[in-house]
Amino acid sequence: MSRRVNATNGDVKENTDGSREDPQKKQARLLAEDDGHFSMVRALHLADLVTELNGFCGIMSIFSALRYCVGSPTAYGNLWAALAFMPFGLFFDFMDGRVARWRKKSSLMGQELDSLADLVSFGVSPAATAFAIGLRTPIDHLLLTFFVLCGLTRLARFNVTVSTLPKDATGKSKFFEGTPIPTSLSIAALMAYWVSQGWVHENVPLGTVLQGSLFEFHPIVFLFVGHGCLMVSKTLHIPKP
């Protein structure tokens, strides 16, 4: 999760009457325009376009996982692609904040875009990859959904509370409240190791519990449950670097 909301709005342009228009107000005005087919495109900042690349990586990861599901279970190419797109998403998630501070432009739309892209790249994408690897029972689905919803809730809380969290001298929040959603890449790295060892489908680590029953599940899915709980924790404060 990048810190785009801390970018200053130093790039203020003059209107025709000599007054100065704040970039956030300009973006809101462009988005509210009724005419112009591309008014929304013109309203996007450069940092917003970088955020879109984060979302692109997440979507491509999900599609790659789906392609693996409809192909040969022993052909891991699409599975590796699904895992590889995630760290690229993290790169763009890191860069959009850098670009926003370099350009001295931030916006509420950029903040929302950042959260939505993070949900796709670091919430839905790991869950879809876990499904592709073999966590496919109904109970697995419920617990993976819990993980994604925890990420959704954590991002919504961040957007609401970011302005009230304690700040340092530079205006940045001093800590993360709960683990940031990009830390799900640690699970992605673990899944990459499983794939390298061929531990997929019936060979998923820890096997299956209550096999053949309505409540069949893979115990390893609780790794996602635990991570989801850490994301929504109120008392866990992680200092920012």
C-alpha atoms as a PDB file:
ATOM      1  CA  MET A   1       0.000   0.000   0.000  1.00  0.00           C
ATOM      2  CA  SER A   2       1.629   3.192  -1.133  1.00  0.00           C
ATOM      3  CA  ARG A   3       1.449   6.482   0.754  1.00  0.00           C
ATOM      4  CA  ARG A   4      -0.108   8.578  -1.996  1.00  0.00           C
ATOM      5  CA  VAL A   5      -2.348  10.516   0.360  1.00  0.00           C
ATOM      6  CA  ASN A   6       0.724  12.226   1.788  1.00  0.00           C
ATOM      7  CA  ALA A   7       1.738  13.841  -1.488  1.00  0.00           C
ATOM      8  CA  THR A   8       1.553  17.585  -1.351  1.00  0.00           C
ATOM      9  CA  ASN A   9      -0.440  19.614  -3.822  1.00  0.00           C
ATOM     10  CA  GLY A  10       2.265  22.057  -4.765  1.00  0.00           C
ATOM     11  CA  ASP A  11       1.547  22.092  -8.475  1.00  0.00           C
ATOM     12  CA  VAL A  12      -1.257  24.682  -8.537  1.00  0.00           C
ATOM     13  CA  LYS A  13      -2.083  26.252 -11.872  1.00  0.00           C
ATOM     14  CA  GLU A  14      -3.620  29.633 -12.548  1.00  0.00           C
ATOM     15  CA  ASN A  15      -7.093  30.012 -14.010  1.00  0.00           C
ATOM     16  CA  THR A  16      -7.820  32.471 -16.782  1.00  0.00           C
ATOM     17  CA  ASP A  17      -8.901  35.063 -14.211  1.00  0.00           C
ATOM     18  CA  GLY A  18      -5.570  34.825 -12.442  1.00  0.00           C
ATOM     19  CA  SER A  19      -6.810  32.712  -9.517  1.00  0.00           C
ATOM     20  CA  ARG A  20      -5.083  29.473  -8.671  1.00  0.00           C
ATOM     21  CA  GLU A  21      -6.914  26.160  -8.989  1.00  0.00           C
ATOM     22  CA  ASP A  22      -6.055  23.342  -6.638  1.00  0.00           C
ATOM     23  CA  PRO A  23      -5.251  20.055  -8.496  1.00  0.00           C
ATOM     24  CA  GLN A  24      -7.781  18.094  -6.436  1.00  0.00           C
ATOM     25  CA  LYS A  25     -10.535  20.596  -7.242  1.00  0.00           C
ATOM     26  CA  LYS A  26      -9.524  20.545 -10.901  1.00  0.00           C
ATOM     27  CA  GLN A  27      -9.787  16.765 -10.968  1.00  0.00           C
ATOM     28  CA  ALA A  28     -13.208  16.900  -9.299  1.00  0.00           C
ATOM     29  CA  ARG A  29     -14.347  19.482 -11.854  1.00  0.00           C
ATOM     30  CA  LEU A  30     -13.178  17.367 -14.782  1.00  0.00           C
ATOM     31  CA  LEU A  31     -14.884  14.273 -13.389  1.00  0.00           C
ATOM     32  CA  ALA A  32     -18.156  16.200 -12.955  1.00  0.00           C
ATOM     33  CA  GLU A  33     -18.213  17.540 -16.512  1.00  0.00           C
ATOM     34  CA  ASP A  34     -21.168  16.380 -18.606  1.00  0.00           C
ATOM     35  CA  ASP A  35     -19.499  16.989 -21.955  1.00  0.00           C
ATOM     36  CA  GLY A  36     -16.373  15.392 -23.339  1.00  0.00           C
ATOM     37  CA  HIS A  37     -16.027  11.661 -23.838  1.00  0.00           C
ATOM     38  CA  PHE A  38     -12.528  11.628 -22.357  1.00  0.00           C
ATOM     39  CA  SER A  39     -12.985  13.983 -19.403  1.00  0.00           C
ATOM     40  CA  MET A  40     -12.205  11.154 -16.957  1.00  0.00           C
ATOM     41  CA  VAL A  41      -8.981  10.323 -18.803  1.00  0.00           C
ATOM     42  CA  ARG A  42      -7.937  13.970 -18.680  1.00  0.00           C
ATOM     43  CA  ALA A  43      -8.648  13.973 -14.946  1.00  0.00           C
ATOM     44  CA  LEU A  44      -6.153  11.203 -14.227  1.00  0.00           C
ATOM     45  CA  HIS A  45      -2.751  12.115 -12.824  1.00  0.00           C
ATOM     46  CA  LEU A  46       0.423  10.305 -13.858  1.00  0.00           C
ATOM     47  CA  ALA A  47       0.431   8.494 -10.511  1.00  0.00           C
ATOM     48  CA  ASP A  48      -3.098   7.251 -11.229  1.00  0.00           C
ATOM     49  CA  LEU A  49      -1.899   5.640 -14.458  1.00  0.00           C
ATOM     50  CA  VAL A  50       0.868   3.864 -12.524  1.00  0.00           C
ATOM     51  CA  THR A  51      -1.793   2.615 -10.097  1.00  0.00           C
ATOM     52  CA  GLU A  52      -3.762   1.260 -13.055  1.00  0.00           C
ATOM     53  CA  LEU A  53      -0.699  -0.860 -13.908  1.00  0.00           C
ATOM     54  CA  ASN A  54      -0.893  -2.337 -10.410  1.00  0.00           C
ATOM     55  CA  GLY A  55      -4.503  -3.306 -11.118  1.00  0.00           C
ATOM     56  CA  PHE A  56      -3.477  -4.662 -14.523  1.00  0.00           C
ATOM     57  CA  CYS A  57      -0.968  -7.008 -12.881  1.00  0.00           C
ATOM     58  CA  GLY A  58      -3.592  -8.258 -10.443  1.00  0.00           C
ATOM     59  CA  ILE A  59      -6.133  -8.953 -13.173  1.00  0.00           C
ATOM     60  CA  MET A  60      -3.544 -10.711 -15.333  1.00  0.00           C
ATOM     61  CA  SER A  61      -2.576 -12.844 -12.337  1.00  0.00           C
ATOM     62  CA  ILE A  62      -6.205 -13.907 -11.888  1.00  0.00           C
ATOM     63  CA  PHE A  63      -6.596 -14.721 -15.585  1.00  0.00           C
ATOM     64  CA  SER A  64      -3.363 -16.736 -15.496  1.00  0.00           C
ATOM     65  CA  ALA A  65      -4.696 -18.761 -12.562  1.00  0.00           C
ATOM     66  CA  LEU A  66      -7.910 -19.399 -14.491  1.00  0.00           C
ATOM     67  CA  ARG A  67      -5.944 -20.486 -17.565  1.00  0.00           C
ATOM     68  CA  TYR A  68      -4.084 -23.012 -15.426  1.00  0.00           C
ATOM     69  CA  CYS A  69      -7.394 -24.412 -14.157  1.00  0.00           C
ATOM     70  CA  VAL A  70      -8.614 -25.188 -17.684  1.00  0.00           C
ATOM     71  CA  GLY A  71      -5.295 -26.641 -18.838  1.00  0.00           C
ATOM     72  CA  SER A  72      -3.141 -29.593 -17.923  1.00  0.00           C
ATOM     73  CA  PRO A  73      -2.561 -29.848 -14.145  1.00  0.00           C
ATOM     74  CA  THR A  74       1.094 -30.702 -14.804  1.00  0.00           C
ATOM     75  CA  ALA A  75       1.761 -27.642 -16.998  1.00  0.00           C
ATOM     76  CA  TYR A  76       2.731 -24.997 -14.456  1.00  0.00           C
ATOM     77  CA  GLY A  77       3.467 -22.151 -16.890  1.00  0.00           C
ATOM     78  CA  ASN A  78       0.242 -20.245 -16.237  1.00  0.00           C
ATOM     79  CA  LEU A  79       0.554 -20.890 -12.512  1.00  0.00           C
ATOM     80  CA  TRP A  80       4.037 -19.362 -12.509  1.00  0.00           C
ATOM     81  CA  ALA A  81       2.661 -16.401 -14.465  1.00  0.00           C
ATOM     82  CA  ALA A  82      -0.082 -15.925 -11.871  1.00  0.00           C
ATOM     83  CA  LEU A  83       2.534 -15.809  -9.117  1.00  0.00           C
ATOM     84  CA  ALA A  84       4.941 -13.602 -11.088  1.00  0.00           C
ATOM     85  CA  PHE A  85       2.408 -10.844 -11.749  1.00  0.00           C
ATOM     86  CA  MET A  86       1.953 -10.214  -8.018  1.00  0.00           C
ATOM     87  CA  PRO A  87       5.416  -8.758  -7.272  1.00  0.00           C
ATOM     88  CA  PHE A  88       5.126  -6.617 -10.394  1.00  0.00           C
ATOM     89  CA  GLY A  89       1.928  -5.258  -8.874  1.00  0.00           C
ATOM     90  CA  LEU A  90       3.872  -4.446  -5.707  1.00  0.00           C
ATOM     91  CA  PHE A  91       6.443  -2.570  -7.792  1.00  0.00           C
ATOM     92  CA  PHE A  92       3.765  -0.345  -9.323  1.00  0.00           C
ATOM     93  CA  ASP A  93       2.091   0.047  -5.923  1.00  0.00           C
ATOM     94  CA  PHE A  94       5.385   1.377  -4.596  1.00  0.00           C
ATOM     95  CA  MET A  95       6.029   3.582  -7.610  1.00  0.00           C
ATOM     96  CA  ASP A  96       2.672   5.360  -7.699  1.00  0.00           C
ATOM     97  CA  GLY A  97       3.399   6.949  -4.330  1.00  0.00           C
ATOM     98  CA  ARG A  98       6.849   7.982  -5.510  1.00  0.00           C
ATOM     99  CA  VAL A  99       5.396   9.517  -8.667  1.00  0.00           C
ATOM    100  CA  ALA A 100       2.695  11.355  -6.684  1.00  0.00           C
ATOM    101  CA  ARG A 101       5.299  12.923  -4.401  1.00  0.00           C
ATOM    102  CA  TRP A 102       7.590  13.738  -7.336  1.00  0.00           C
ATOM    103  CA  ARG A 103       4.750  15.420  -9.228  1.00  0.00           C
ATOM    104  CA  LYS A 104       3.387  16.924  -5.995  1.00  0.00           C
ATOM    105  CA  LYS A 105      -0.101  15.810  -6.933  1.00  0.00           C
ATOM    106  CA  SER A 106      -2.498  13.657  -4.957  1.00  0.00           C
ATOM    107  CA  SER A 107      -6.240  13.143  -5.136  1.00  0.00           C
ATOM    108  CA  LEU A 108      -9.076  11.323  -3.452  1.00  0.00           C
ATOM    109  CA  MET A 109      -9.642   9.442  -6.696  1.00  0.00           C
ATOM    110  CA  GLY A 110      -6.016   8.300  -6.643  1.00  0.00           C
ATOM    111  CA  GLN A 111      -6.468   7.081  -3.079  1.00  0.00           C
ATOM    112  CA  GLU A 112      -9.526   5.061  -4.054  1.00  0.00           C
ATOM    113  CA  LEU A 113      -7.807   3.676  -7.159  1.00  0.00           C
ATOM    114  CA  ASP A 114      -4.860   2.610  -5.026  1.00  0.00           C
ATOM    115  CA  SER A 115      -7.080   0.673  -2.619  1.00  0.00           C
ATOM    116  CA  LEU A 116      -9.070  -1.005  -5.378  1.00  0.00           C
ATOM    117  CA  ALA A 117      -5.911  -2.030  -7.242  1.00  0.00           C
ATOM    118  CA  ASP A 118      -4.413  -3.393  -4.012  1.00  0.00           C
ATOM    119  CA  LEU A 119      -7.523  -5.463  -3.367  1.00  0.00           C
ATOM    120  CA  VAL A 120      -7.261  -7.052  -6.804  1.00  0.00           C
ATOM    121  CA  SER A 121      -3.477  -7.611  -6.767  1.00  0.00           C
ATOM    122  CA  PHE A 122      -2.962  -8.653  -3.150  1.00  0.00           C
ATOM    123  CA  GLY A 123      -6.390  -9.948  -2.118  1.00  0.00           C
ATOM    124  CA  VAL A 124      -8.295 -11.563  -4.974  1.00  0.00           C
ATOM    125  CA  SER A 125      -5.186 -12.617  -6.895  1.00  0.00           C
ATOM    126  CA  PRO A 126      -3.578 -14.729  -4.104  1.00  0.00           C
ATOM    127  CA  ALA A 127      -6.953 -16.297  -3.333  1.00  0.00           C
ATOM    128  CA  ALA A 128      -7.486 -17.190  -7.005  1.00  0.00           C
ATOM    129  CA  THR A 129      -4.003 -18.698  -7.171  1.00  0.00           C
ATOM    130  CA  ALA A 130      -4.663 -20.738  -4.037  1.00  0.00           C
ATOM    131  CA  PHE A 131      -7.831 -22.046  -5.675  1.00  0.00           C
ATOM    132  CA  ALA A 132      -5.854 -22.968  -8.790  1.00  0.00           C
ATOM    133  CA  ILE A 133      -3.238 -24.802  -6.722  1.00  0.00           C
ATOM    134  CA  GLY A 134      -5.878 -27.028  -5.169  1.00  0.00           C
ATOM    135  CA  LEU A 135      -7.833 -25.314  -2.370  1.00  0.00           C
ATOM    136  CA  ARG A 136     -11.139 -26.031  -4.075  1.00  0.00           C
ATOM    137  CA  THR A 137     -13.563 -27.410  -1.497  1.00  0.00           C
ATOM    138  CA  PRO A 138     -16.611 -25.352  -0.410  1.00  0.00           C
ATOM    139  CA  ILE A 139     -15.043 -24.723   3.015  1.00  0.00           C
ATOM    140  CA  ASP A 140     -11.821 -23.627   1.312  1.00  0.00           C
ATOM    141  CA  HIS A 141     -13.879 -21.164  -0.734  1.00  0.00           C
ATOM    142  CA  LEU A 142     -15.524 -19.703   2.369  1.00  0.00           C
ATOM    143  CA  LEU A 143     -12.201 -19.255   4.162  1.00  0.00           C
ATOM    144  CA  LEU A 144     -10.487 -17.739   1.106  1.00  0.00           C
ATOM    145  CA  THR A 145     -13.445 -15.359   0.806  1.00  0.00           C
ATOM    146  CA  PHE A 146     -12.917 -14.413   4.454  1.00  0.00           C
ATOM    147  CA  PHE A 147      -9.315 -13.532   3.595  1.00  0.00           C
ATOM    148  CA  VAL A 148     -10.372 -11.317   0.676  1.00  0.00           C
ATOM    149  CA  LEU A 149     -13.058  -9.589   2.757  1.00  0.00           C
ATOM    150  CA  CYS A 150     -10.502  -8.890   5.492  1.00  0.00           C
ATOM    151  CA  GLY A 151      -8.355  -7.186   2.869  1.00  0.00           C
ATOM    152  CA  LEU A 152     -11.359  -5.212   1.647  1.00  0.00           C
ATOM    153  CA  THR A 153     -12.200  -4.097   5.177  1.00  0.00           C
ATOM    154  CA  ARG A 154      -8.600  -3.209   5.980  1.00  0.00           C
ATOM    155  CA  LEU A 155      -8.339  -0.987   2.890  1.00  0.00           C
ATOM    156  CA  ALA A 156     -11.638   0.738   3.668  1.00  0.00           C
ATOM    157  CA  ARG A 157     -10.474   1.414   7.226  1.00  0.00           C
ATOM    158  CA  PHE A 158      -7.205   2.819   5.932  1.00  0.00           C
ATOM    159  CA  ASN A 159      -9.012   5.294   3.688  1.00  0.00           C
ATOM    160  CA  VAL A 160     -11.188   6.449   6.584  1.00  0.00           C
ATOM    161  CA  THR A 161      -8.519   6.684   9.305  1.00  0.00           C
ATOM    162  CA  VAL A 162      -5.397   7.733   7.376  1.00  0.00           C
ATOM    163  CA  SER A 163      -5.975  11.410   8.183  1.00  0.00           C
ATOM    164  CA  THR A 164      -6.351  10.713  11.924  1.00  0.00           C
ATOM    165  CA  LEU A 165      -3.339   8.434  12.483  1.00  0.00           C
ATOM    166  CA  PRO A 166      -0.338   9.983  14.290  1.00  0.00           C
ATOM    167  CA  LYS A 167       2.085  11.639  11.857  1.00  0.00           C
ATOM    168  CA  ASP A 168       5.826  12.227  11.948  1.00  0.00           C
ATOM    169  CA  ALA A 169       7.565  15.496  11.102  1.00  0.00           C
ATOM    170  CA  THR A 170       7.214  14.862   7.364  1.00  0.00           C
ATOM    171  CA  GLY A 171       3.472  14.292   7.572  1.00  0.00           C
ATOM    172  CA  LYS A 172       3.633  10.520   7.091  1.00  0.00           C
ATOM    173  CA  SER A 173       1.730   8.157   9.356  1.00  0.00           C
ATOM    174  CA  LYS A 174       3.990   6.640  11.991  1.00  0.00           C
ATOM    175  CA  PHE A 175       2.652   3.116  11.702  1.00  0.00           C
ATOM    176  CA  PHE A 176       0.402   0.705   9.824  1.00  0.00           C
ATOM    177  CA  GLU A 177      -2.741  -0.325  11.681  1.00  0.00           C
ATOM    178  CA  GLY A 178      -2.791  -4.059  11.016  1.00  0.00           C
ATOM    179  CA  THR A 179      -0.578  -5.672   8.403  1.00  0.00           C
ATOM    180  CA  PRO A 180      -0.713  -3.955   4.991  1.00  0.00           C
ATOM    181  CA  ILE A 181      -2.450  -6.032   2.334  1.00  0.00           C
ATOM    182  CA  PRO A 182       0.706  -6.317   0.147  1.00  0.00           C
ATOM    183  CA  THR A 183       2.200  -8.544   2.866  1.00  0.00           C
ATOM    184  CA  SER A 184       0.066 -11.298   1.317  1.00  0.00           C
ATOM    185  CA  LEU A 185       2.996 -11.654  -1.082  1.00  0.00           C
ATOM    186  CA  SER A 186       4.619 -13.700   1.675  1.00  0.00           C
ATOM    187  CA  ILE A 187       1.911 -16.314   1.090  1.00  0.00           C
ATOM    188  CA  ALA A 188       2.448 -15.984  -2.663  1.00  0.00           C
ATOM    189  CA  ALA A 189       6.147 -16.721  -2.127  1.00  0.00           C
ATOM    190  CA  LEU A 190       5.211 -19.800  -0.121  1.00  0.00           C
ATOM    191  CA  MET A 191       2.864 -20.959  -2.878  1.00  0.00           C
ATOM    192  CA  ALA A 192       5.686 -20.481  -5.384  1.00  0.00           C
ATOM    193  CA  TYR A 193       7.776 -22.881  -3.319  1.00  0.00           C
ATOM    194  CA  TRP A 194       4.941 -25.407  -3.317  1.00  0.00           C
ATOM    195  CA  VAL A 195       4.725 -25.214  -7.097  1.00  0.00           C
ATOM    196  CA  SER A 196       8.482 -25.667  -7.420  1.00  0.00           C
ATOM    197  CA  GLN A 197       8.170 -28.872  -5.384  1.00  0.00           C
ATOM    198  CA  GLY A 198       5.090 -30.094  -7.236  1.00  0.00           C
ATOM    199  CA  TRP A 199       2.945 -29.735  -4.101  1.00  0.00           C
ATOM    200  CA  VAL A 200      -0.332 -28.969  -5.849  1.00  0.00           C
ATOM    201  CA  HIS A 201      -3.785 -30.547  -5.950  1.00  0.00           C
ATOM    202  CA  GLU A 202      -3.689 -33.781  -3.920  1.00  0.00           C
ATOM    203  CA  ASN A 203      -0.118 -32.996  -2.815  1.00  0.00           C
ATOM    204  CA  VAL A 204      -0.941 -29.658  -1.154  1.00  0.00           C
ATOM    205  CA  PRO A 205       0.918 -29.438   2.194  1.00  0.00           C
ATOM    206  CA  LEU A 206      -0.960 -30.823   5.241  1.00  0.00           C
ATOM    207  CA  GLY A 207      -3.340 -32.714   2.979  1.00  0.00           C
ATOM    208  CA  THR A 208      -7.116 -32.766   3.385  1.00  0.00           C
ATOM    209  CA  VAL A 209      -9.324 -33.087   6.471  1.00  0.00           C
ATOM    210  CA  LEU A 210     -12.775 -34.756   6.512  1.00  0.00           C
ATOM    211  CA  GLN A 211     -12.211 -35.943   2.959  1.00  0.00           C
ATOM    212  CA  GLY A 212     -15.386 -36.973   1.143  1.00  0.00           C
ATOM    213  CA  SER A 213     -17.687 -35.094   3.518  1.00  0.00           C
ATOM    214  CA  LEU A 214     -19.544 -31.807   3.171  1.00  0.00           C
ATOM    215  CA  PHE A 215     -16.991 -30.199   5.509  1.00  0.00           C
ATOM    216  CA  GLU A 216     -13.876 -31.299   3.627  1.00  0.00           C
ATOM    217  CA  PHE A 217     -11.117 -28.682   3.670  1.00  0.00           C
ATOM    218  CA  HIS A 218      -7.364 -28.184   3.438  1.00  0.00           C
ATOM    219  CA  PRO A 219      -5.850 -27.125   6.798  1.00  0.00           C
ATOM    220  CA  ILE A 220      -3.282 -24.962   4.970  1.00  0.00           C
ATOM    221  CA  VAL A 221      -6.134 -22.574   4.110  1.00  0.00           C
ATOM    222  CA  PHE A 222      -5.964 -21.285   7.692  1.00  0.00           C
ATOM    223  CA  LEU A 223      -2.751 -19.563   6.650  1.00  0.00           C
ATOM    224  CA  PHE A 224      -5.001 -17.189   4.707  1.00  0.00           C
ATOM    225  CA  VAL A 225      -7.418 -16.898   7.631  1.00  0.00           C
ATOM    226  CA  GLY A 226      -4.624 -15.927  10.016  1.00  0.00           C
ATOM    227  CA  HIS A 227      -3.257 -13.382   7.586  1.00  0.00           C
ATOM    228  CA  GLY A 228      -6.714 -11.896   7.169  1.00  0.00           C
ATOM    229  CA  CYS A 229      -7.060 -11.502  10.933  1.00  0.00           C
ATOM    230  CA  LEU A 230      -3.698  -9.725  11.100  1.00  0.00           C
ATOM    231  CA  MET A 231      -4.809  -7.274   8.396  1.00  0.00           C
ATOM    232  CA  VAL A 232      -7.906  -6.147  10.313  1.00  0.00           C
ATOM    233  CA  SER A 233      -6.224  -6.078  13.726  1.00  0.00           C
ATOM    234  CA  LYS A 234      -6.770  -2.815  15.589  1.00  0.00           C
ATOM    235  CA  THR A 235      -4.036  -3.325  18.175  1.00  0.00           C
ATOM    236  CA  LEU A 236      -1.245  -4.446  15.830  1.00  0.00           C
ATOM    237  CA  HIS A 237       0.841  -1.387  14.946  1.00  0.00           C
ATOM    238  CA  ILE A 238       3.683  -1.887  12.482  1.00  0.00           C
ATOM    239  CA  PRO A 239       6.159   1.033  12.286  1.00  0.00           C
ATOM    240  CA  LYS A 240       6.568   2.464   8.803  1.00  0.00           C
ATOM    241  CA  PRO A 241      10.096   2.408   7.344  1.00  0.00           C
END
